[in-house]
C-alpha atoms as a PDB file:
ATOM      1  CA  UNK A   1     -25.298  25.630  -5.667  1.00  0.00           C
ATOM      2  CA  UNK A   2     -26.825  23.118  -3.268  1.00  0.00           C
ATOM      3  CA  UNK A   3     -24.817  21.863  -0.322  1.00  0.00           C
ATOM      4  CA  UNK A   4     -24.173  18.135  -0.417  1.00  0.00           C
ATOM      5  CA  UNK A   5     -24.740  16.068   2.685  1.00  0.00           C
ATOM      6  CA  UNK A   6     -21.871  13.987   4.024  1.00  0.00           C
ATOM      7  CA  UNK A   7     -21.846  10.333   2.960  1.00  0.00           C
ATOM      8  CA  UNK A   8     -22.863   7.881   5.634  1.00  0.00           C
ATOM      9  CA  UNK A   9     -19.496   6.301   6.475  1.00  0.00           C
ATOM     10  CA  UNK A  10     -18.987   4.722   9.876  1.00  0.00           C
ATOM     11  CA  UNK A  11     -15.176   4.830   9.690  1.00  0.00           C
ATOM     12  CA  UNK A  12     -12.695   6.541   7.386  1.00  0.00           C
ATOM     13  CA  UNK A  13      -9.139   5.242   7.088  1.00  0.00           C
ATOM     14  CA  UNK A  14      -6.250   7.594   6.365  1.00  0.00           C
ATOM     15  CA  UNK A  15      -2.527   7.810   6.978  1.00  0.00           C
ATOM     16  CA  UNK A  16      -2.861  10.338   9.769  1.00  0.00           C
ATOM     17  CA  UNK A  17       0.881  10.915  10.064  1.00  0.00           C
ATOM     18  CA  UNK A  18       0.871  12.360   6.552  1.00  0.00           C
ATOM     19  CA  UNK A  19      -2.247  14.539   6.756  1.00  0.00           C
ATOM     20  CA  UNK A  20      -1.661  18.196   7.644  1.00  0.00           C
ATOM     21  CA  UNK A  21      -3.628  19.417  10.663  1.00  0.00           C
ATOM     22  CA  UNK A  22      -5.804  21.774   8.623  1.00  0.00           C
ATOM     23  CA  UNK A  23      -6.673  19.004   6.151  1.00  0.00           C
ATOM     24  CA  UNK A  24      -7.565  16.670   9.032  1.00  0.00           C
ATOM     25  CA  UNK A  25      -9.914  19.322  10.397  1.00  0.00           C
ATOM     26  CA  UNK A  26     -11.582  19.717   6.988  1.00  0.00           C
ATOM     27  CA  UNK A  27     -12.012  15.931   6.865  1.00  0.00           C
ATOM     28  CA  UNK A  28     -13.591  15.873  10.339  1.00  0.00           C
ATOM     29  CA  UNK A  29     -15.990  18.674   9.410  1.00  0.00           C
ATOM     30  CA  UNK A  30     -16.918  17.023   6.098  1.00  0.00           C
ATOM     31  CA  UNK A  31     -17.698  13.715   7.847  1.00  0.00           C
ATOM     32  CA  UNK A  32     -18.986  14.673  11.318  1.00  0.00           C
ATOM     33  CA  UNK A  33     -20.608  11.303  12.019  1.00  0.00           C
ATOM     34  CA  UNK A  34     -17.571   9.258  10.998  1.00  0.00           C
ATOM     35  CA  UNK A  35     -14.666   7.980  13.027  1.00  0.00           C
ATOM     36  CA  UNK A  36     -11.269   8.855  11.484  1.00  0.00           C
ATOM     37  CA  UNK A  37      -8.908   5.902  11.944  1.00  0.00           C
ATOM     38  CA  UNK A  38      -5.188   5.570  11.238  1.00  0.00           C
ATOM     39  CA  UNK A  39      -4.844   3.133   8.328  1.00  0.00           C
ATOM     40  CA  UNK A  40      -1.051   3.177   8.038  1.00  0.00           C
ATOM     41  CA  UNK A  41      -0.607  -0.537   8.808  1.00  0.00           C
ATOM     42  CA  UNK A  42      -3.393  -1.637   6.473  1.00  0.00           C
ATOM     43  CA  UNK A  43      -2.165   0.539   3.607  1.00  0.00           C
ATOM     44  CA  UNK A  44       1.444  -0.649   4.068  1.00  0.00           C
ATOM     45  CA  UNK A  45       0.282  -4.271   3.837  1.00  0.00           C
ATOM     46  CA  UNK A  46      -1.700  -3.436   0.721  1.00  0.00           C
ATOM     47  CA  UNK A  47       1.286  -1.727  -0.907  1.00  0.00           C
ATOM     48  CA  UNK A  48       3.596  -4.605  -0.001  1.00  0.00           C
ATOM     49  CA  UNK A  49       1.235  -7.071  -1.683  1.00  0.00           C
ATOM     50  CA  UNK A  50       1.022  -4.898  -4.772  1.00  0.00           C
ATOM     51  CA  UNK A  51       4.813  -4.559  -4.940  1.00  0.00           C
ATOM     52  CA  UNK A  52       5.246  -8.335  -4.638  1.00  0.00           C
ATOM     53  CA  UNK A  53       2.719  -8.908  -7.417  1.00  0.00           C
ATOM     54  CA  UNK A  54       4.424  -6.308  -9.621  1.00  0.00           C
ATOM     55  CA  UNK A  55       7.838  -7.868  -8.983  1.00  0.00           C
ATOM     56  CA  UNK A  56       6.559 -11.323  -9.890  1.00  0.00           C
ATOM     57  CA  UNK A  57       4.878  -9.970 -12.998  1.00  0.00           C
ATOM     58  CA  UNK A  58       8.060  -8.156 -14.098  1.00  0.00           C
ATOM     59  CA  UNK A  59      10.207 -11.214 -13.399  1.00  0.00           C
ATOM     60  CA  UNK A  60       7.860 -13.394 -15.408  1.00  0.00           C
ATOM     61  CA  UNK A  61       7.972 -10.957 -18.332  1.00  0.00           C
ATOM     62  CA  UNK A  62      11.785 -11.029 -18.205  1.00  0.00           C
ATOM     63  CA  UNK A  63      11.810 -14.822 -18.142  1.00  0.00           C
ATOM     64  CA  UNK A  64      13.009 -14.950 -14.551  1.00  0.00           C
ATOM     65  CA  UNK A  65       9.840 -16.093 -12.844  1.00  0.00           C
ATOM     66  CA  UNK A  66      11.679 -19.105 -11.403  1.00  0.00           C
ATOM     67  CA  UNK A  67      13.366 -16.851  -8.831  1.00  0.00           C
ATOM     68  CA  UNK A  68      10.008 -16.048  -7.280  1.00  0.00           C
ATOM     69  CA  UNK A  69       8.268 -19.393  -7.752  1.00  0.00           C
ATOM     70  CA  UNK A  70      10.862 -21.707  -6.195  1.00  0.00           C
ATOM     71  CA  UNK A  71      12.033 -23.071  -9.561  1.00  0.00           C
ATOM     72  CA  UNK A  72      15.395 -24.713 -10.057  1.00  0.00           C
ATOM     73  CA  UNK A  73      16.745 -22.751 -12.999  1.00  0.00           C
ATOM     74  CA  UNK A  74      20.531 -22.307 -13.111  1.00  0.00           C
ATOM     75  CA  UNK A  75      20.048 -18.563 -12.660  1.00  0.00           C
ATOM     76  CA  UNK A  76      18.309 -19.096  -9.328  1.00  0.00           C
ATOM     77  CA  UNK A  77      21.426 -20.775  -7.874  1.00  0.00           C
ATOM     78  CA  UNK A  78      23.677 -17.775  -8.407  1.00  0.00           C
ATOM     79  CA  UNK A  79      25.542 -16.654  -5.280  1.00  0.00           C
ATOM     80  CA  UNK A  80      24.068 -13.824  -3.304  1.00  0.00           C
ATOM     81  CA  UNK A  81      25.653 -10.402  -3.789  1.00  0.00           C
ATOM     82  CA  UNK A  82      28.155  -9.348  -1.118  1.00  0.00           C
ATOM     83  CA  UNK A  83      26.706  -7.670   1.941  1.00  0.00           C
ATOM     84  CA  UNK A  84      27.850  -4.187   2.837  1.00  0.00           C
ATOM     85  CA  UNK A  85      27.848  -2.957   6.408  1.00  0.00           C
END
């Protein structure tokens, strides 16, 4: 079997807090010319956007899209649930 050369990536983003030390070392060896950067903030923003889109999509499918689009349906004026401390 032929050894594959590492792809030419300048930077690699990963959630470094969640990568075991041995896996991080394997990553560094596999991509010796790449800079490993912590992408936690970027990935959290991406997930948040996906969750918002999924919530809007689900609300629209349930006929409750007005809650997320600033509509004035009677359902959107319901009182907020009680807060627990």
